[in-house]
C-alpha cells in the first residue's frame, strides 16, 4: 500500500468527519469525495466501502437522495462480499435514512430491522441504541405506538447500560411524544421531565428549552396554569440566554396564548409586543400577532387601539395574500367601525365583546397555516409550537386531529435529525 496515498486518504477523511460533526455538510461531502477518490486508487475494498458510506452519509444530509442511495448500495455490496456485518448494518441503516427522507416509512422500518439483525453482538451497543431509537421513530411515524414504545424502551436500556446520557435524554423525549399522542399524559410528563433532567446535566440548553415547552403545553392542557407558566418562563429564559431570536419570539407568542386563555390581558399584551420585537419570520406571523393584539385590545375595551391593530393585521395579511384571513379581519374591522359612534355607551362591549367570549386562542386554521409557513422557512422548533396550539384547539373544537398529529411527528423528526447531524 502506498503510504503517502494512505495518509492523504486518512487526512481527507478526518477533515470530512470534523465538518460532518460541525454540521457543515457541504464541506464534509467535498472531503469525503476526495477520500473516496483516493480510496479507489488504493484499491483496498474495506477502505473503499468505508469511504463511500461516509460520502453517502454526507449526501443524505445534503438531500442528494439518489446519490446517497447509490453510495449506500455500493457500500452494502462490498461489505457483503467481505462478510463485514458491521458494514452491512451501517449501509442498511443508511438506506433506511434515505427511505425515511422519501417518506417510505414501511421500507425504512424493514431496513432498520435488518440493520439491527446484522449488527454484530460484540460491536458497540451504543450505536445499536441509536438504531433502535431510529426504528422507534419510524414506528411513531406509522402510528404503531406499541412497537414504537418497545423499540424506544430498548434504546433507553442500551443508553443507560452505556451511560450515554445524551442518547437517553433524546429517547425519553421521543417516548414522551409517543405517550402524549396516545393520550397517556401522565406517563408523557414523566418522560419529558426525565429528558429535561438529562439535557440539563449535559448542558444541552436548546434541547432543554424544547423539553420545557413540551412540559408547559402538557400542564396547560391539564389546566395547571402555574406549572405551565413556570416551564414556559424557563424555556424563554434559555432562549434569551442563547439569543435565539426567533425562538424567543415564538415562545413569547405561546406565552401570550396561555395568558390570554386565562384572561390575563395586560400580561398577554406585553408578551405579544415582545414577540413582535424579536420576530424575524414571514408577514403572516406579523399579521396574526397584530390580530392577537387587536383581540386583546377589544377585551380590554381599548377600541381605538384595537382599530390600529386590526389595520396592521389587515395590511400584513394582504401582503401575504391570505384571502380567508383578509375577509375575516375586514369583517371584524367593519363591525368595530360600525359601532364607533357609541364608544361611550355602556352596551358597546356587549355588542362586540360577545364575538370573543369563548376561547380567545388563535383559530386552528391560523396556527396550522403558521406552522406550515415556519416549516418552509426551516424554523422547525417554532413550527412545532404552533402545531401544538393547533392540536389543542382542534381537540377543544372536536375537529379531526390526524393531520395535525402527523405534522407534529414530521416536525419533531426533523428537529431530532438536525440534532444528530
Protein backbone atom coordinates (compact mmCIF):
# COMPACT_ATOMS: atom_id res chain seq x y z
CA UNK A 1 0.00 0.00 0.00
CA UNK A 2 1.27 3.46 -0.94
CA UNK A 3 1.88 5.11 2.43
CA UNK A 4 1.63 8.68 1.14
CA UNK A 5 -1.65 7.87 -0.60
CA UNK A 6 -2.98 6.25 2.57
CA UNK A 7 -2.06 9.31 4.67
CA UNK A 8 -3.75 11.61 2.15
CA UNK A 9 -6.90 9.44 2.29
CA UNK A 10 -6.82 9.48 6.09
CA UNK A 11 -6.32 13.25 6.25
CA UNK A 12 -9.28 13.95 3.94
CA UNK A 13 -11.41 11.50 5.90
CA UNK A 14 -10.62 13.15 9.24
CA UNK A 15 -11.41 16.61 7.86
CA UNK A 16 -14.66 15.32 6.47
CA UNK A 17 -15.61 13.85 9.84
CA UNK A 18 -14.89 17.15 11.57
CA UNK A 19 -17.09 19.08 9.15
CA UNK A 20 -19.80 16.42 9.49
CA UNK A 21 -19.75 16.76 13.29
CA UNK A 22 -19.89 20.56 12.97
CA UNK A 23 -22.92 20.37 10.70
CA UNK A 24 -21.12 21.73 7.62
CA UNK A 25 -22.35 19.01 5.28
CA UNK A 26 -21.24 20.71 2.06
CA UNK A 27 -17.60 20.75 3.16
CA UNK A 28 -17.96 17.27 4.64
CA UNK A 29 -19.17 15.94 1.30
CA UNK A 30 -16.28 17.61 -0.50
CA UNK A 31 -13.62 16.00 1.72
CA UNK A 32 -15.37 12.62 1.70
CA UNK A 33 -15.40 12.80 -2.09
CA UNK A 34 -11.64 13.38 -2.06
CA UNK A 35 -11.10 10.50 0.38
CA UNK A 36 -13.27 8.22 -1.78
CA UNK A 37 -11.26 9.10 -4.90
CA UNK A 38 -8.05 8.25 -3.04
CA UNK A 39 -9.61 5.02 -1.72
CA UNK A 40 -10.27 3.94 -5.31
CA UNK A 41 -6.57 4.44 -6.05
CA UNK A 42 -5.58 2.41 -3.00
CA UNK A 43 -7.81 -0.45 -4.17
CA UNK A 44 -8.46 -1.82 -0.66
CA UNK A 45 -12.10 -2.92 -0.54
CA UNK A 46 -12.67 -2.34 3.17
CA UNK A 47 -11.30 1.22 2.87
CA UNK A 48 -13.37 1.77 -0.26
CA UNK A 49 -16.57 0.56 1.43
CA UNK A 50 -15.96 2.78 4.46
CA UNK A 51 -15.23 5.82 2.28
CA UNK A 52 -18.25 5.51 0.05
CA UNK A 53 -20.54 5.02 3.04
CA UNK A 54 -19.33 8.25 4.63
CA UNK A 55 -19.71 10.07 1.32
CA UNK A 56 -23.27 8.75 1.04
CA UNK A 57 -23.96 9.92 4.61
CA UNK A 58 -22.94 13.48 3.72
CA UNK A 59 -25.00 13.31 0.52
CA UNK A 60 -28.02 12.23 2.55
CA UNK A 61 -27.51 15.22 4.85
CA UNK A 62 -27.39 17.42 1.73
CA UNK A 63 -30.65 15.85 0.49
CA UNK A 64 -28.98 14.24 -2.53
CA UNK A 65 -31.09 11.15 -2.10
CA UNK A 66 -30.38 9.39 -5.39
CA UNK A 67 -26.62 9.75 -4.99
CA UNK A 68 -26.78 8.70 -1.35
CA UNK A 69 -28.86 5.64 -2.18
CA UNK A 70 -26.41 4.58 -4.89
CA UNK A 71 -23.50 5.02 -2.49
CA UNK A 72 -25.08 3.02 0.32
CA UNK A 73 -25.98 0.23 -2.11
CA UNK A 74 -22.40 0.06 -3.37
CA UNK A 75 -21.10 0.02 0.22
CA UNK A 76 -23.60 -2.73 1.05
CA UNK A 77 -22.45 -4.84 -1.90
CA UNK A 78 -18.79 -4.50 -0.91
CA UNK A 79 -19.49 -5.30 2.75
CA UNK A 80 -21.49 -8.39 1.79
CA UNK A 81 -18.54 -9.61 -0.29
CA UNK A 82 -16.29 -9.02 2.72
CA UNK A 83 -18.76 -10.65 5.17
CA UNK A 84 -18.49 -7.44 7.18
CA UNK A 85 -21.66 -7.47 9.26
CA UNK A 86 -20.95 -4.10 10.87
CA UNK A 87 -20.60 -2.52 7.44
CA UNK A 88 -23.75 -4.29 6.24
CA UNK A 89 -25.69 -2.94 9.21
CA UNK A 90 -24.43 0.60 8.66
CA UNK A 91 -25.19 0.50 4.93
CA UNK A 92 -28.72 -0.76 5.57
CA UNK A 93 -29.21 1.95 8.20
CA UNK A 94 -28.09 4.49 5.60
CA UNK A 95 -30.60 3.14 3.09
CA UNK A 96 -33.25 3.33 5.81
CA UNK A 97 -32.40 7.00 6.24
CA UNK A 98 -32.91 7.56 2.51
CA UNK A 99 -36.28 5.79 2.64
CA UNK A 100 -37.28 7.88 5.65
CA UNK A 101 -36.37 11.10 3.84
CA UNK A 102 -38.63 10.00 0.96
CA UNK A 103 -41.49 9.23 3.29
CA UNK A 104 -41.25 5.50 2.60
CA UNK A 105 -41.82 4.51 6.21
CA UNK A 106 -42.55 0.81 5.69
CA UNK A 107 -39.33 0.47 3.68
CA UNK A 108 -37.42 2.36 6.38
CA UNK A 109 -38.88 0.05 9.04
CA UNK A 110 -37.75 -3.06 7.15
CA UNK A 111 -34.24 -1.70 6.59
CA UNK A 112 -33.74 -0.61 10.22
CA UNK A 113 -34.85 -4.06 11.38
CA UNK A 114 -32.31 -5.63 9.00
CA UNK A 115 -29.60 -3.27 10.27
CA UNK A 116 -30.33 -4.35 13.85
CA UNK A 117 -30.29 -8.02 12.79
CA UNK A 118 -26.86 -7.74 11.13
CA UNK A 119 -25.34 -5.54 13.82
CA UNK A 120 -22.57 -7.62 15.49
CA UNK A 121 -23.15 -8.67 19.09
CA UNK A 122 -19.58 -7.72 20.00
CA UNK A 123 -19.80 -4.22 18.49
CA UNK A 124 -20.65 -1.06 20.42
CA UNK A 125 -24.14 -1.32 21.86
CA UNK A 126 -24.26 2.48 21.94
CA UNK A 127 -24.62 2.52 18.16
CA UNK A 128 -27.23 -0.22 18.48
CA UNK A 129 -29.18 2.09 20.78
CA UNK A 130 -29.30 4.69 18.00
CA UNK A 131 -30.63 2.08 15.56
CA UNK A 132 -33.41 1.09 17.98
CA UNK A 133 -34.19 4.77 18.52
CA UNK A 134 -34.42 5.37 14.76
CA UNK A 135 -36.67 2.34 14.39
CA UNK A 136 -38.88 3.63 17.20
CA UNK A 137 -39.25 6.96 15.43
CA UNK A 138 -40.32 5.17 12.23
CA UNK A 139 -42.97 3.25 14.16
CA UNK A 140 -44.14 6.56 15.62
CA UNK A 141 -44.49 7.95 12.10
CA UNK A 142 -46.54 4.87 11.22
CA UNK A 143 -48.62 5.46 14.38
CA UNK A 144 -47.74 1.97 15.58
CA UNK A 145 -47.45 3.08 19.18
CA UNK A 146 -46.86 -0.28 20.85
CA UNK A 147 -43.97 -1.12 18.51
CA UNK A 148 -42.59 2.40 18.88
CA UNK A 149 -42.66 2.11 22.65
CA UNK A 150 -40.94 -1.29 22.58
CA UNK A 151 -38.12 -0.12 20.30
CA UNK A 152 -37.58 3.11 22.23
CA UNK A 153 -37.52 1.33 25.59
CA UNK A 154 -34.86 -1.00 24.16
CA UNK A 155 -32.88 2.06 23.06
CA UNK A 156 -33.33 3.61 26.51
CA UNK A 157 -32.00 0.47 28.22
CA UNK A 158 -28.92 0.39 25.95
CA UNK A 159 -28.24 4.09 26.55
CA UNK A 160 -28.37 3.59 30.31
CA UNK A 161 -26.18 0.48 30.00
CA UNK A 162 -23.54 2.59 28.22
CA UNK A 163 -24.03 5.64 30.47
CA UNK A 164 -24.96 7.51 27.28
CA UNK A 165 -27.00 10.24 28.96
CA UNK A 166 -27.47 12.41 25.86
CA UNK A 167 -28.95 9.47 23.97
CA UNK A 168 -31.11 8.59 26.96
CA UNK A 169 -32.41 12.16 27.06
CA UNK A 170 -33.33 12.14 23.37
CA UNK A 171 -35.03 8.74 23.67
CA UNK A 172 -37.04 9.89 26.70
CA UNK A 173 -38.10 12.99 24.79
CA UNK A 174 -39.35 10.80 21.93
CA UNK A 175 -41.08 8.46 24.38
CA UNK A 176 -42.81 11.49 25.83
CA UNK A 177 -44.18 12.31 22.38
CA UNK A 178 -45.30 8.70 21.83
CA UNK A 179 -47.17 8.59 25.14
CA UNK A 180 -48.67 12.02 24.55
CA UNK A 181 -50.09 11.03 21.16
CA UNK A 182 -51.73 8.04 22.87
CA UNK A 183 -53.33 10.32 25.44
CA UNK A 184 -51.10 8.97 28.23
CA UNK A 185 -50.29 12.43 29.52
CA UNK A 186 -49.14 11.35 32.98
CA UNK A 187 -46.51 8.97 31.57
CA UNK A 188 -45.56 11.53 28.91
CA UNK A 189 -44.97 14.08 31.65
CA UNK A 190 -42.61 11.70 33.46
CA UNK A 191 -40.59 11.08 30.29
CA UNK A 192 -40.30 14.76 29.42
CA UNK A 193 -39.18 15.55 32.97
CA UNK A 194 -36.54 12.81 32.79
CA UNK A 195 -35.36 14.16 29.42
CA UNK A 196 -35.14 17.66 30.88
CA UNK A 197 -33.00 16.50 33.81
CA UNK A 198 -30.58 14.75 31.45
CA UNK A 199 -30.42 17.62 28.95
CA UNK A 200 -29.64 19.92 31.87
CA UNK A 201 -26.85 17.63 33.08
CA UNK A 202 -25.36 17.58 29.58
CA UNK A 203 -25.71 21.37 29.27
CA UNK A 204 -27.73 20.91 26.08
CA UNK A 205 -29.72 24.08 26.61
CA UNK A 206 -31.50 24.11 23.25
CA UNK A 207 -32.91 20.62 23.81
CA UNK A 208 -33.70 21.52 27.42
CA UNK A 209 -35.71 24.53 26.28
CA UNK A 210 -37.58 22.35 23.80
CA UNK A 211 -38.48 19.94 26.61
CA UNK A 212 -39.65 22.81 28.82
CA UNK A 213 -42.03 23.79 26.02
CA UNK A 214 -43.46 20.27 25.98
CA UNK A 215 -43.99 20.41 29.74
CA UNK A 216 -45.61 23.83 29.53
CA UNK A 217 -48.01 22.57 26.89
CA UNK A 218 -48.92 19.44 28.85
CA UNK A 219 -49.61 21.40 32.01
CA UNK A 220 -51.67 23.92 30.06
CA UNK A 221 -53.72 21.10 28.56
CA UNK A 222 -54.35 19.84 32.11
CA UNK A 223 -55.42 23.35 33.18
CA UNK A 224 -52.47 23.74 35.56
CA UNK A 225 -51.68 27.37 34.83
CA UNK A 226 -48.96 27.87 37.46
CA UNK A 227 -46.94 24.86 36.25
CA UNK A 228 -47.47 25.80 32.60
CA UNK A 229 -46.18 29.32 33.22
CA UNK A 230 -43.25 28.02 35.26
CA UNK A 231 -41.95 25.84 32.42
CA UNK A 232 -42.75 28.38 29.73
CA UNK A 233 -40.76 31.07 31.52
CA UNK A 234 -37.87 28.61 31.90
CA UNK A 235 -37.90 27.98 28.15
CA UNK A 236 -37.95 31.71 27.46
CA UNK A 237 -35.01 32.33 29.82
CA UNK A 238 -32.95 29.71 27.99
CA UNK A 239 -33.75 31.17 24.58
CA UNK A 240 -32.88 34.64 25.84
CA UNK A 241 -29.60 33.35 27.23
CA UNK A 242 -28.78 31.74 23.87
CA UNK A 243 -30.04 34.80 21.94
CA UNK A 244 -32.18 32.62 19.66
CA UNK A 245 -34.37 35.45 18.44
CA UNK A 246 -36.96 33.51 16.50
CA UNK A 247 -37.39 31.01 19.34
CA UNK A 248 -37.71 33.93 21.77
CA UNK A 249 -40.44 35.41 19.60
CA UNK A 250 -42.36 32.15 19.28
CA UNK A 251 -42.04 31.40 22.99
CA UNK A 252 -43.43 34.79 23.94
CA UNK A 253 -46.22 34.27 21.40
CA UNK A 254 -47.05 30.94 23.01
CA UNK A 255 -46.87 32.60 26.44
CA UNK A 256 -49.33 35.26 25.30
CA UNK A 257 -51.73 32.48 24.29
CA UNK A 258 -51.53 30.97 27.78
CA UNK A 259 -52.07 34.34 29.44
CA UNK A 260 -54.88 35.27 27.06
CA UNK A 261 -56.61 31.96 27.66
CA UNK A 262 -56.68 32.75 31.37
CA UNK A 263 -57.81 36.32 30.65
CA UNK A 264 -54.60 37.92 31.90
CA UNK A 265 -54.86 40.52 29.16
CA UNK A 266 -52.22 43.05 30.27
CA UNK A 267 -49.63 40.31 30.53
CA UNK A 268 -50.73 38.74 27.25
CA UNK A 269 -50.44 42.09 25.50
CA UNK A 270 -46.94 42.67 26.88
CA UNK A 271 -45.85 39.20 25.75
CA UNK A 272 -47.16 39.77 22.23
CA UNK A 273 -45.29 43.07 21.99
CA UNK A 274 -42.05 41.32 22.98
CA UNK A 275 -42.82 38.60 20.45
CA UNK A 276 -43.13 41.29 17.76
CA UNK A 277 -39.84 42.83 18.85
CA UNK A 278 -37.92 39.60 18.21
CA UNK A 279 -39.94 38.33 15.24
CA UNK A 280 -37.94 37.64 12.07
CA UNK A 281 -40.32 35.46 10.07
CA UNK A 282 -42.88 35.87 7.30
CA UNK A 283 -45.55 38.57 7.08
CA UNK A 284 -48.19 36.03 8.09
CA UNK A 285 -46.60 35.77 11.52
CA UNK A 286 -46.71 39.55 11.91
CA UNK A 287 -50.36 39.54 10.84
CA UNK A 288 -51.52 37.01 13.43
CA UNK A 289 -49.60 38.83 16.16
CA UNK A 290 -51.31 42.12 15.34
CA UNK A 291 -54.61 40.30 15.12
CA UNK A 292 -53.94 38.89 18.59
CA UNK A 293 -53.19 42.38 19.89
CA UNK A 294 -56.45 43.63 18.37
CA UNK A 295 -58.45 40.93 20.12
CA UNK A 296 -56.75 41.68 23.45
CA UNK A 297 -57.42 45.41 23.00
CA UNK A 298 -61.10 44.59 22.47
CA UNK A 299 -61.19 42.53 25.64
CA UNK A 300 -59.63 45.48 27.49
CA UNK A 301 -62.20 47.83 25.88
CA UNK A 302 -59.38 49.78 24.19
CA UNK A 303 -61.30 50.20 20.95
CA UNK A 304 -59.19 52.87 19.24
CA UNK A 305 -56.09 50.78 19.78
CA UNK A 306 -57.96 47.71 18.52
CA UNK A 307 -58.69 49.55 15.25
CA UNK A 308 -55.00 50.34 14.79
CA UNK A 309 -54.01 46.74 15.38
CA UNK A 310 -56.69 45.49 13.01
CA UNK A 311 -55.40 47.77 10.27
CA UNK A 312 -51.85 46.49 10.82
CA UNK A 313 -53.07 42.88 10.72
CA UNK A 314 -55.05 43.54 7.54
CA UNK A 315 -52.02 45.11 5.87
CA UNK A 316 -49.80 42.09 6.54
CA UNK A 317 -52.49 39.55 5.62
CA UNK A 318 -52.94 41.41 2.32
CA UNK A 319 -49.18 41.45 1.75
CA UNK A 320 -49.01 37.71 2.41
CA UNK A 321 -52.03 37.06 0.21
CA UNK A 322 -54.13 35.14 2.72
CA UNK A 323 -57.65 35.55 1.35
CA UNK A 324 -59.68 33.90 4.13
CA UNK A 325 -57.97 35.93 6.86
CA UNK A 326 -58.33 39.17 4.87
CA UNK A 327 -62.06 38.55 4.78
CA UNK A 328 -62.23 37.71 8.47
CA UNK A 329 -60.20 40.74 9.56
CA UNK A 330 -62.18 43.02 7.25
CA UNK A 331 -65.42 41.77 8.78
CA UNK A 332 -64.19 42.35 12.33
CA UNK A 333 -62.84 45.80 11.47
CA UNK A 334 -66.13 46.73 9.79
CA UNK A 335 -68.03 45.56 12.86
CA UNK A 336 -65.83 47.71 15.07
CA UNK A 337 -66.16 50.81 12.86
CA UNK A 338 -69.92 50.35 12.60
CA UNK A 339 -70.34 50.98 16.30
CA UNK A 340 -67.61 53.55 16.91
CA UNK A 341 -70.22 56.27 17.35
CA UNK A 342 -71.40 54.51 20.51
CA UNK A 343 -67.99 54.15 22.11
CA UNK A 344 -69.15 55.89 25.25
CA UNK A 345 -72.25 53.82 25.68
CA UNK A 346 -72.23 51.08 28.26
CA UNK A 347 -73.70 48.50 25.91
CA UNK A 348 -70.91 48.75 23.33
CA UNK A 349 -68.89 46.00 24.97
CA UNK A 350 -71.93 43.74 24.78
CA UNK A 351 -72.23 44.45 21.07
CA UNK A 352 -68.66 43.50 20.20
CA UNK A 353 -67.23 41.60 23.17
CA UNK A 354 -69.53 38.64 22.59
CA UNK A 355 -67.52 37.76 19.49
CA UNK A 356 -64.66 36.72 21.79
CA UNK A 357 -66.44 35.33 24.83
CA UNK A 358 -65.28 31.80 24.03
CA UNK A 359 -61.74 30.51 23.75
CA UNK A 360 -59.65 33.53 22.70
CA UNK A 361 -56.72 31.50 21.41
CA UNK A 362 -55.89 31.92 17.71
CA UNK A 363 -58.04 29.79 15.48
CA UNK A 364 -56.98 26.29 14.48
CA UNK A 365 -56.54 27.18 10.82
CA UNK A 366 -54.33 30.17 11.60
CA UNK A 367 -51.97 28.18 13.80
CA UNK A 368 -51.78 25.35 11.26
CA UNK A 369 -51.05 27.80 8.46
CA UNK A 370 -48.32 29.46 10.50
CA UNK A 371 -46.79 26.09 11.35
CA UNK A 372 -46.61 25.22 7.64
CA UNK A 373 -45.04 28.59 6.84
CA UNK A 374 -42.40 28.14 9.53
CA UNK A 375 -41.54 24.64 8.26
CA UNK A 376 -40.93 26.07 4.78
CA UNK A 377 -38.64 28.68 6.35
CA UNK A 378 -36.78 25.98 8.28
CA UNK A 379 -37.94 27.25 11.70
CA UNK A 380 -38.87 23.80 12.92
CA UNK A 381 -38.98 24.45 16.66
CA UNK A 382 -41.25 27.44 16.19
CA UNK A 383 -43.41 25.40 13.82
CA UNK A 384 -43.66 22.69 16.46
CA UNK A 385 -45.01 25.18 18.99
CA UNK A 386 -47.64 26.42 16.55
CA UNK A 387 -48.74 22.91 15.60
CA UNK A 388 -49.12 22.10 19.34
CA UNK A 389 -51.51 25.02 19.63
CA UNK A 390 -53.39 23.89 16.54
CA UNK A 391 -53.77 20.43 18.08
CA UNK A 392 -55.09 21.83 21.35
CA UNK A 393 -57.67 23.95 19.52
CA UNK A 394 -58.65 21.06 17.25
CA UNK A 395 -59.28 18.84 20.27
CA UNK A 396 -61.27 21.53 22.02
CA UNK A 397 -63.45 22.04 18.93
CA UNK A 398 -63.74 18.28 18.26
CA UNK A 399 -62.03 18.65 14.88
CA UNK A 400 -60.23 15.80 13.13
CA UNK A 401 -56.68 15.77 14.56
CA UNK A 402 -54.89 13.19 12.40
CA UNK A 403 -53.39 15.76 10.01
CA UNK A 404 -52.13 17.92 12.87
CA UNK A 405 -50.67 14.97 14.79
CA UNK A 406 -48.83 13.82 11.66
CA UNK A 407 -47.44 17.33 11.19
CA UNK A 408 -46.15 17.35 14.78
CA UNK A 409 -44.45 13.99 14.25
CA UNK A 410 -42.85 15.17 10.99
CA UNK A 411 -41.54 18.40 12.53
CA UNK A 412 -40.27 16.57 15.63
CA UNK A 413 -38.40 14.14 13.38
CA UNK A 414 -36.72 16.99 11.53
CA UNK A 415 -35.63 18.57 14.82
CA UNK A 416 -34.14 15.29 16.03
CA UNK A 417 -32.30 14.76 12.72
CA UNK A 418 -30.77 18.23 12.96
CA UNK A 419 -29.55 17.48 16.49
CA UNK A 420 -27.99 14.19 15.38
CA UNK A 421 -26.24 15.83 12.50
